[in-house]
Amino acid sequence: MKRHLLDTHLIYWWMTGDGRLGKALQRIIARSEIVVSTASIWEMVLKNASGKLPLPKGAIAEHLEAQGFILLPIFPRHIEAARNLSCKHADPFDRLLIAQALDERLTLLTRDAGILGLGLDAVARG
């Protein structure tokens, strides 16, 4: 079974039933082991607190686990991997997700043009 790490916007689209997710990605999610970084939960909570992202009521982590997603903690080795990334990408959450994907041997699924443009093997269009 393939293992994928979802970028934050894809998780949000999944949670909210956003049509931008698309049928193809829904099938990938249904047939794969999906990992969600706690960094993505943190990012969504920060955006929610600033009024930029409405979130459903209740604990996000519990909601994601109920969907069968695996939560990936942020380990010190992930932070070191982000520190040592050779690619240039300014967003700290994106850098951490890239580092986690590389360290955990996951494929990061994203629609972020900046991440996709890096040409990394561990990244694919979701």
C-alpha atoms as a PDB file:
ATOM      1  CA  MET A   1       0.000   0.000   0.000  1.00  0.00           C
ATOM      2  CA  LYS A   2       1.322   3.434  -0.904  1.00  0.00           C
ATOM      3  CA  ARG A   3       1.996   5.920   1.882  1.00  0.00           C
ATOM      4  CA  HIS A   4       1.258   9.592   1.306  1.00  0.00           C
ATOM      5  CA  LEU A   5       1.693  12.721   3.391  1.00  0.00           C
ATOM      6  CA  LEU A   6      -0.990  15.279   2.561  1.00  0.00           C
ATOM      7  CA  ASP A   7      -0.187  18.974   2.307  1.00  0.00           C
ATOM      8  CA  THR A   8      -2.278  21.154   4.610  1.00  0.00           C
ATOM      9  CA  HIS A   9      -4.592  22.523   1.925  1.00  0.00           C
ATOM     10  CA  LEU A  10      -5.468  19.006   0.750  1.00  0.00           C
ATOM     11  CA  ILE A  11      -6.319  17.972   4.307  1.00  0.00           C
ATOM     12  CA  TYR A  12      -8.544  21.019   4.648  1.00  0.00           C
ATOM     13  CA  TRP A  13     -10.276  20.289   1.336  1.00  0.00           C
ATOM     14  CA  TRP A  14     -10.864  16.704   2.508  1.00  0.00           C
ATOM     15  CA  MET A  15     -12.266  17.886   5.860  1.00  0.00           C
ATOM     16  CA  THR A  16     -14.612  20.391   4.238  1.00  0.00           C
ATOM     17  CA  GLY A  17     -15.662  18.321   1.217  1.00  0.00           C
ATOM     18  CA  ASP A  18     -14.208  20.904  -1.159  1.00  0.00           C
ATOM     19  CA  GLY A  19     -14.703  20.001  -4.825  1.00  0.00           C
ATOM     20  CA  ARG A  20     -11.157  21.100  -5.667  1.00  0.00           C
ATOM     21  CA  LEU A  21      -9.944  17.837  -4.170  1.00  0.00           C
ATOM     22  CA  GLY A  22     -11.236  16.010  -7.247  1.00  0.00           C
ATOM     23  CA  LYS A  23     -12.256  12.399  -7.837  1.00  0.00           C
ATOM     24  CA  ALA A  24      -8.756  11.172  -8.724  1.00  0.00           C
ATOM     25  CA  LEU A  25      -7.263  12.386  -5.444  1.00  0.00           C
ATOM     26  CA  GLN A  26     -10.238  11.044  -3.497  1.00  0.00           C
ATOM     27  CA  ARG A  27      -9.474   7.613  -4.984  1.00  0.00           C
ATOM     28  CA  ILE A  28      -5.787   7.915  -4.056  1.00  0.00           C
ATOM     29  CA  ILE A  29      -6.746   8.838  -0.491  1.00  0.00           C
ATOM     30  CA  ALA A  30      -9.196   5.933  -0.277  1.00  0.00           C
ATOM     31  CA  ARG A  31      -6.602   3.411  -1.515  1.00  0.00           C
ATOM     32  CA  SER A  32      -3.524   4.637   0.350  1.00  0.00           C
ATOM     33  CA  GLU A  33      -2.151   4.932   3.833  1.00  0.00           C
ATOM     34  CA  ILE A  34      -2.590   8.641   4.511  1.00  0.00           C
ATOM     35  CA  VAL A  35      -0.339  10.423   6.956  1.00  0.00           C
ATOM     36  CA  VAL A  36      -1.078  13.872   8.357  1.00  0.00           C
ATOM     37  CA  SER A  37       1.640  15.900  10.012  1.00  0.00           C
ATOM     38  CA  THR A  38       0.879  17.571  13.312  1.00  0.00           C
ATOM     39  CA  ALA A  39       2.506  20.582  11.627  1.00  0.00           C
ATOM     40  CA  SER A  40      -0.540  20.785   9.349  1.00  0.00           C
ATOM     41  CA  ILE A  41      -2.892  20.774  12.326  1.00  0.00           C
ATOM     42  CA  TRP A  42      -0.804  23.534  13.908  1.00  0.00           C
ATOM     43  CA  GLU A  43      -0.871  25.535  10.661  1.00  0.00           C
ATOM     44  CA  MET A  44      -4.668  25.243  10.376  1.00  0.00           C
ATOM     45  CA  VAL A  45      -5.162  26.261  14.015  1.00  0.00           C
ATOM     46  CA  LEU A  46      -2.931  29.333  13.550  1.00  0.00           C
ATOM     47  CA  LYS A  47      -4.823  30.372  10.411  1.00  0.00           C
ATOM     48  CA  ASN A  48      -8.118  29.804  12.200  1.00  0.00           C
ATOM     49  CA  ALA A  49      -7.000  31.984  15.117  1.00  0.00           C
ATOM     50  CA  SER A  50      -6.176  34.816  12.717  1.00  0.00           C
ATOM     51  CA  GLY A  51      -9.606  34.541  11.077  1.00  0.00           C
ATOM     52  CA  LYS A  52      -8.272  33.182   7.761  1.00  0.00           C
ATOM     53  CA  LEU A  53      -9.565  29.600   7.960  1.00  0.00           C
ATOM     54  CA  PRO A  54     -12.874  28.417   9.385  1.00  0.00           C
ATOM     55  CA  LEU A  55     -12.590  25.028  11.071  1.00  0.00           C
ATOM     56  CA  PRO A  56     -15.241  22.539  12.129  1.00  0.00           C
ATOM     57  CA  LYS A  57     -15.997  22.230  15.833  1.00  0.00           C
ATOM     58  CA  GLY A  58     -14.195  19.582  17.835  1.00  0.00           C
ATOM     59  CA  ALA A  59     -10.682  18.247  17.963  1.00  0.00           C
ATOM     60  CA  ILE A  60      -9.060  18.202  14.529  1.00  0.00           C
ATOM     61  CA  ALA A  61      -6.736  15.313  15.392  1.00  0.00           C
ATOM     62  CA  GLU A  62      -9.659  13.148  16.516  1.00  0.00           C
ATOM     63  CA  HIS A  63     -11.566  13.995  13.347  1.00  0.00           C
ATOM     64  CA  LEU A  64      -8.604  12.996  11.172  1.00  0.00           C
ATOM     65  CA  GLU A  65      -7.934   9.779  13.081  1.00  0.00           C
ATOM     66  CA  ALA A  66     -11.627   8.870  12.737  1.00  0.00           C
ATOM     67  CA  GLN A  67     -11.115   9.135   8.963  1.00  0.00           C
ATOM     68  CA  GLY A  68      -8.352   6.515   9.231  1.00  0.00           C
ATOM     69  CA  PHE A  69      -5.492   8.983   8.779  1.00  0.00           C
ATOM     70  CA  ILE A  70      -2.247   8.434  10.691  1.00  0.00           C
ATOM     71  CA  LEU A  71      -0.945  11.401  12.672  1.00  0.00           C
ATOM     72  CA  LEU A  72       2.775  12.057  12.360  1.00  0.00           C
ATOM     73  CA  PRO A  73       4.375  13.910  15.279  1.00  0.00           C
ATOM     74  CA  ILE A  74       7.165  16.390  14.732  1.00  0.00           C
ATOM     75  CA  PHE A  75      10.367  14.692  15.841  1.00  0.00           C
ATOM     76  CA  PRO A  76      13.710  16.463  16.378  1.00  0.00           C
ATOM     77  CA  ARG A  77      15.109  14.578  13.363  1.00  0.00           C
ATOM     78  CA  HIS A  78      12.416  16.211  11.197  1.00  0.00           C
ATOM     79  CA  ILE A  79      13.538  19.636  12.355  1.00  0.00           C
ATOM     80  CA  GLU A  80      17.157  18.765  11.566  1.00  0.00           C
ATOM     81  CA  ALA A  81      16.082  17.440   8.153  1.00  0.00           C
ATOM     82  CA  ALA A  82      14.276  20.738   7.475  1.00  0.00           C
ATOM     83  CA  ARG A  83      17.397  22.613   8.533  1.00  0.00           C
ATOM     84  CA  ASN A  84      19.496  20.598   6.096  1.00  0.00           C
ATOM     85  CA  LEU A  85      17.205  20.860   3.066  1.00  0.00           C
ATOM     86  CA  SER A  86      19.127  22.035   0.043  1.00  0.00           C
ATOM     87  CA  CYS A  87      16.018  23.372  -1.697  1.00  0.00           C
ATOM     88  CA  LYS A  88      15.017  26.988  -1.308  1.00  0.00           C
ATOM     89  CA  HIS A  89      11.511  27.356   0.075  1.00  0.00           C
ATOM     90  CA  ALA A  90      10.673  30.060   2.591  1.00  0.00           C
ATOM     91  CA  ASP A  91       7.466  28.725   4.189  1.00  0.00           C
ATOM     92  CA  PRO A  92       8.460  26.946   7.430  1.00  0.00           C
ATOM     93  CA  PHE A  93       5.440  24.621   7.406  1.00  0.00           C
ATOM     94  CA  ASP A  94       6.145  23.557   3.831  1.00  0.00           C
ATOM     95  CA  ARG A  95       9.822  22.988   4.621  1.00  0.00           C
ATOM     96  CA  LEU A  96       8.865  20.800   7.563  1.00  0.00           C
ATOM     97  CA  LEU A  97       6.402  18.768   5.467  1.00  0.00           C
ATOM     98  CA  ILE A  98       9.047  18.247   2.775  1.00  0.00           C
ATOM     99  CA  ALA A  99      11.577  17.188   5.421  1.00  0.00           C
ATOM    100  CA  GLN A 100       9.092  14.791   7.020  1.00  0.00           C
ATOM    101  CA  ALA A 101       8.247  13.238   3.660  1.00  0.00           C
ATOM    102  CA  LEU A 102      11.919  12.669   2.912  1.00  0.00           C
ATOM    103  CA  ASP A 103      12.753  11.368   6.385  1.00  0.00           C
ATOM    104  CA  GLU A 104       9.724   9.059   6.634  1.00  0.00           C
ATOM    105  CA  ARG A 105       9.950   7.893   2.989  1.00  0.00           C
ATOM    106  CA  LEU A 106       6.522   9.260   2.174  1.00  0.00           C
ATOM    107  CA  THR A 107       5.277  10.999  -0.947  1.00  0.00           C
ATOM    108  CA  LEU A 108       4.067  14.514  -0.174  1.00  0.00           C
ATOM    109  CA  LEU A 109       0.921  15.205  -2.177  1.00  0.00           C
ATOM    110  CA  THR A 110       0.330  18.882  -2.892  1.00  0.00           C
ATOM    111  CA  ARG A 111      -1.060  21.373  -5.360  1.00  0.00           C
ATOM    112  CA  ASP A 112       1.353  24.082  -4.184  1.00  0.00           C
ATOM    113  CA  ALA A 113       3.199  25.264  -7.306  1.00  0.00           C
ATOM    114  CA  GLY A 114       6.165  26.422  -5.206  1.00  0.00           C
ATOM    115  CA  ILE A 115       6.667  22.970  -3.737  1.00  0.00           C
ATOM    116  CA  LEU A 116       6.013  21.156  -7.011  1.00  0.00           C
ATOM    117  CA  GLY A 117       8.481  23.464  -8.752  1.00  0.00           C
ATOM    118  CA  LEU A 118      11.305  22.210  -6.544  1.00  0.00           C
ATOM    119  CA  GLY A 119      11.393  18.976  -8.559  1.00  0.00           C
ATOM    120  CA  LEU A 120      11.837  16.712  -5.543  1.00  0.00           C
ATOM    121  CA  ASP A 121      11.317  12.952  -5.867  1.00  0.00           C
ATOM    122  CA  ALA A 122       9.373  12.862  -2.590  1.00  0.00           C
ATOM    123  CA  VAL A 123       6.743  15.305  -3.921  1.00  0.00           C
ATOM    124  CA  ALA A 124       3.868  14.666  -6.305  1.00  0.00           C
ATOM    125  CA  ARG A 125       0.845  16.585  -7.532  1.00  0.00           C
ATOM    126  CA  GLY A 126      -2.180  15.596  -5.498  1.00  0.00           C
END
